[in-house]
Amino acid sequence: MGFNPLKNISEDTENAGIELFGNKRMIVLDCKYVVDFSEESVVLNLGNLNMKVRGDNLLISSFCFGQTDITGEIVSIEFERA
């Protein structure tokens, strides 16, 4: 019965899902809205959490029906309470 950080993230993101394709592409499912965007960082709202993606040459290549497709060189992913 130890601490499970993934369980906490799962509860806070409701139905969100994340698919990574190496460090060059990421698909985020059930994204509510884009909070902030630049070539160095993308912040997405996933319900009760914001997800910050850091990297180089980041581009939101698609945002349709809650599915967000991010391309570029992904360096890190962080979560914080919204």
N, C-alpha and C. Protein backbone atom coordinates (compact mmCIF):
# COMPACT_ATOMS: atom_id res chain seq x y z
N MET A 1 0.82 -1.19 0.00
CA MET A 1 0.00 0.00 0.00
C MET A 1 0.87 1.25 0.00
N GLY A 2 1.65 1.42 -1.05
CA GLY A 2 2.51 2.59 -1.17
C GLY A 2 1.83 3.69 -1.97
N PHE A 3 2.53 4.76 -2.10
CA PHE A 3 2.05 5.91 -2.87
C PHE A 3 2.07 5.57 -4.35
N ASN A 4 1.00 5.84 -5.05
CA ASN A 4 0.92 5.56 -6.48
C ASN A 4 0.60 6.87 -7.22
N PRO A 5 1.63 7.60 -7.68
CA PRO A 5 1.37 8.88 -8.34
C PRO A 5 0.56 8.75 -9.61
N LEU A 6 0.66 7.64 -10.32
CA LEU A 6 -0.11 7.48 -11.55
C LEU A 6 -1.60 7.38 -11.26
N LYS A 7 -1.97 6.77 -10.14
CA LYS A 7 -3.38 6.69 -9.76
C LYS A 7 -3.92 8.09 -9.53
N ASN A 8 -3.17 8.95 -8.86
CA ASN A 8 -3.61 10.32 -8.60
C ASN A 8 -3.77 11.10 -9.90
N ILE A 9 -2.84 10.95 -10.81
CA ILE A 9 -2.94 11.63 -12.11
C ILE A 9 -4.17 11.12 -12.85
N SER A 10 -4.41 9.83 -12.81
CA SER A 10 -5.55 9.24 -13.50
C SER A 10 -6.86 9.81 -12.98
N GLU A 11 -7.00 9.97 -11.68
CA GLU A 11 -8.22 10.51 -11.09
C GLU A 11 -8.43 11.96 -11.51
N ASP A 12 -7.36 12.74 -11.59
CA ASP A 12 -7.47 14.16 -11.88
C ASP A 12 -7.67 14.46 -13.36
N THR A 13 -7.31 13.57 -14.23
CA THR A 13 -7.43 13.84 -15.67
C THR A 13 -8.72 13.27 -16.26
N GLU A 14 -9.59 12.72 -15.45
CA GLU A 14 -10.86 12.18 -15.89
C GLU A 14 -10.65 11.14 -16.99
N ASN A 15 -10.96 11.44 -18.25
CA ASN A 15 -10.86 10.47 -19.34
C ASN A 15 -9.70 10.72 -20.27
N ALA A 16 -8.76 11.56 -19.88
CA ALA A 16 -7.65 11.92 -20.76
C ALA A 16 -6.73 10.72 -20.97
N GLY A 17 -6.10 10.70 -22.13
CA GLY A 17 -5.12 9.68 -22.45
C GLY A 17 -3.95 10.32 -23.19
N ILE A 18 -2.78 9.71 -23.06
CA ILE A 18 -1.57 10.26 -23.69
C ILE A 18 -0.88 9.13 -24.44
N GLU A 19 -0.56 9.39 -25.70
CA GLU A 19 0.21 8.45 -26.51
C GLU A 19 1.48 9.14 -26.95
N LEU A 20 2.62 8.50 -26.70
CA LEU A 20 3.91 9.05 -27.11
C LEU A 20 4.49 8.19 -28.22
N PHE A 21 5.06 8.85 -29.21
CA PHE A 21 5.74 8.18 -30.32
C PHE A 21 7.18 8.66 -30.29
N GLY A 22 8.00 8.01 -29.47
CA GLY A 22 9.37 8.47 -29.25
C GLY A 22 9.32 9.82 -28.58
N ASN A 23 10.24 10.70 -28.95
CA ASN A 23 10.21 12.06 -28.41
C ASN A 23 9.84 13.08 -29.48
N LYS A 24 9.22 12.60 -30.58
CA LYS A 24 8.89 13.48 -31.71
C LYS A 24 7.41 13.75 -31.88
N ARG A 25 6.54 12.96 -31.27
CA ARG A 25 5.10 13.15 -31.45
C ARG A 25 4.35 12.68 -30.22
N MET A 26 3.29 13.43 -29.88
CA MET A 26 2.45 13.09 -28.74
C MET A 26 1.00 13.36 -29.13
N ILE A 27 0.12 12.43 -28.79
CA ILE A 27 -1.31 12.63 -28.97
C ILE A 27 -1.94 12.64 -27.59
N VAL A 28 -2.71 13.69 -27.31
CA VAL A 28 -3.39 13.83 -26.02
C VAL A 28 -4.89 13.75 -26.30
N LEU A 29 -5.56 12.81 -25.63
CA LEU A 29 -6.99 12.61 -25.81
C LEU A 29 -7.75 13.31 -24.70
N ASP A 30 -8.90 13.84 -25.01
CA ASP A 30 -9.80 14.51 -24.08
C ASP A 30 -9.20 15.78 -23.48
N CYS A 31 -8.44 16.50 -24.29
CA CYS A 31 -7.91 17.80 -23.88
C CYS A 31 -9.06 18.80 -23.87
N LYS A 32 -9.18 19.56 -22.79
CA LYS A 32 -10.27 20.55 -22.69
C LYS A 32 -9.97 21.80 -23.51
N TYR A 33 -8.75 22.36 -23.33
CA TYR A 33 -8.36 23.54 -24.09
C TYR A 33 -6.86 23.78 -23.96
N VAL A 34 -6.33 24.61 -24.85
CA VAL A 34 -4.92 24.98 -24.83
C VAL A 34 -4.79 26.20 -23.92
N VAL A 35 -3.99 26.08 -22.87
CA VAL A 35 -3.79 27.17 -21.91
C VAL A 35 -2.74 28.14 -22.44
N ASP A 36 -1.64 27.61 -22.97
CA ASP A 36 -0.54 28.44 -23.45
C ASP A 36 0.23 27.65 -24.50
N PHE A 37 0.86 28.38 -25.43
CA PHE A 37 1.59 27.71 -26.50
C PHE A 37 2.75 28.56 -26.98
N SER A 38 3.90 27.93 -27.14
CA SER A 38 5.05 28.54 -27.80
C SER A 38 5.86 27.41 -28.41
N GLU A 39 6.94 27.74 -29.10
CA GLU A 39 7.79 26.69 -29.69
C GLU A 39 8.54 25.91 -28.62
N GLU A 40 8.63 26.45 -27.40
CA GLU A 40 9.37 25.79 -26.32
C GLU A 40 8.47 25.08 -25.31
N SER A 41 7.17 25.43 -25.25
CA SER A 41 6.27 24.77 -24.30
C SER A 41 4.82 24.84 -24.77
N VAL A 42 4.08 23.80 -24.40
CA VAL A 42 2.64 23.73 -24.66
C VAL A 42 1.99 23.35 -23.35
N VAL A 43 0.97 24.11 -22.93
CA VAL A 43 0.24 23.80 -21.71
C VAL A 43 -1.20 23.49 -22.11
N LEU A 44 -1.66 22.28 -21.72
CA LEU A 44 -3.00 21.82 -22.04
C LEU A 44 -3.78 21.59 -20.77
N ASN A 45 -5.07 21.92 -20.77
CA ASN A 45 -5.93 21.62 -19.63
C ASN A 45 -6.58 20.27 -19.86
N LEU A 46 -6.45 19.37 -18.86
CA LEU A 46 -7.01 18.03 -18.95
C LEU A 46 -8.13 17.81 -17.94
N GLY A 47 -8.75 18.86 -17.51
CA GLY A 47 -9.77 18.75 -16.47
C GLY A 47 -9.26 19.42 -15.21
N ASN A 48 -8.92 18.61 -14.21
CA ASN A 48 -8.39 19.15 -12.96
C ASN A 48 -6.88 19.38 -12.98
N LEU A 49 -6.23 18.96 -14.04
CA LEU A 49 -4.78 19.12 -14.17
C LEU A 49 -4.43 19.87 -15.45
N ASN A 50 -3.33 20.60 -15.39
CA ASN A 50 -2.70 21.14 -16.58
C ASN A 50 -1.48 20.30 -16.88
N MET A 51 -1.25 20.00 -18.14
CA MET A 51 -0.07 19.26 -18.56
C MET A 51 0.82 20.21 -19.35
N LYS A 52 2.08 20.32 -18.94
CA LYS A 52 3.04 21.19 -19.63
C LYS A 52 4.05 20.32 -20.35
N VAL A 53 4.14 20.50 -21.66
CA VAL A 53 5.09 19.78 -22.49
C VAL A 53 6.19 20.78 -22.85
N ARG A 54 7.44 20.42 -22.55
CA ARG A 54 8.57 21.28 -22.89
C ARG A 54 9.38 20.62 -23.99
N GLY A 55 9.99 21.46 -24.85
CA GLY A 55 10.80 20.92 -25.91
C GLY A 55 11.27 22.00 -26.86
N ASP A 56 11.60 21.59 -28.07
CA ASP A 56 12.07 22.49 -29.11
C ASP A 56 11.21 22.32 -30.36
N ASN A 57 10.95 23.43 -31.03
CA ASN A 57 10.16 23.43 -32.27
C ASN A 57 8.81 22.73 -32.11
N LEU A 58 8.15 22.94 -30.96
CA LEU A 58 6.86 22.30 -30.72
C LEU A 58 5.79 22.95 -31.58
N LEU A 59 4.89 22.11 -32.06
CA LEU A 59 3.81 22.55 -32.93
C LEU A 59 2.56 21.75 -32.61
N ILE A 60 1.44 22.43 -32.44
CA ILE A 60 0.16 21.73 -32.32
C ILE A 60 -0.33 21.53 -33.75
N SER A 61 -0.14 20.32 -34.25
CA SER A 61 -0.47 20.07 -35.65
C SER A 61 -1.95 19.75 -35.84
N SER A 62 -2.66 19.43 -34.74
CA SER A 62 -4.08 19.14 -34.83
C SER A 62 -4.73 19.34 -33.47
N PHE A 63 -5.92 19.95 -33.46
CA PHE A 63 -6.72 20.09 -32.25
C PHE A 63 -8.17 19.95 -32.68
N CYS A 64 -8.71 18.74 -32.54
CA CYS A 64 -10.04 18.45 -33.07
C CYS A 64 -10.76 17.47 -32.15
N PHE A 65 -11.96 17.83 -31.71
CA PHE A 65 -12.78 16.97 -30.86
C PHE A 65 -12.03 16.50 -29.61
N GLY A 66 -11.25 17.39 -29.01
CA GLY A 66 -10.53 17.05 -27.78
C GLY A 66 -9.25 16.28 -28.00
N GLN A 67 -8.91 15.94 -29.22
CA GLN A 67 -7.66 15.25 -29.50
C GLN A 67 -6.63 16.27 -29.98
N THR A 68 -5.50 16.32 -29.29
CA THR A 68 -4.45 17.27 -29.60
C THR A 68 -3.21 16.52 -30.05
N ASP A 69 -2.67 16.88 -31.19
CA ASP A 69 -1.48 16.24 -31.74
C ASP A 69 -0.33 17.25 -31.68
N ILE A 70 0.71 16.91 -30.93
CA ILE A 70 1.87 17.79 -30.75
C ILE A 70 3.08 17.12 -31.39
N THR A 71 3.79 17.89 -32.22
CA THR A 71 5.02 17.38 -32.83
C THR A 71 6.17 18.32 -32.47
N GLY A 72 7.38 17.84 -32.65
CA GLY A 72 8.59 18.57 -32.31
C GLY A 72 9.48 17.68 -31.47
N GLU A 73 10.49 18.25 -30.86
CA GLU A 73 11.37 17.48 -29.98
C GLU A 73 10.89 17.64 -28.55
N ILE A 74 10.24 16.61 -28.02
CA ILE A 74 9.67 16.63 -26.67
C ILE A 74 10.77 16.27 -25.67
N VAL A 75 10.96 17.16 -24.69
CA VAL A 75 12.02 16.97 -23.69
C VAL A 75 11.45 16.52 -22.35
N SER A 76 10.32 17.10 -21.93
CA SER A 76 9.74 16.74 -20.63
C SER A 76 8.24 16.97 -20.62
N ILE A 77 7.58 16.31 -19.67
CA ILE A 77 6.14 16.45 -19.45
C ILE A 77 5.95 16.66 -17.95
N GLU A 78 5.19 17.69 -17.60
CA GLU A 78 4.92 18.00 -16.18
C GLU A 78 3.42 18.14 -15.98
N PHE A 79 2.96 17.83 -14.77
CA PHE A 79 1.56 18.00 -14.43
C PHE A 79 1.44 18.92 -13.22
N GLU A 80 0.40 19.78 -13.22
CA GLU A 80 0.12 20.62 -12.07
C GLU A 80 -1.39 20.79 -11.95
N ARG A 81 -1.85 21.00 -10.75
CA ARG A 81 -3.29 21.19 -10.53
C ARG A 81 -3.75 22.45 -11.24
N ALA A 82 -4.89 22.36 -11.89
CA ALA A 82 -5.46 23.51 -12.62
C ALA A 82 -6.15 24.46 -11.67
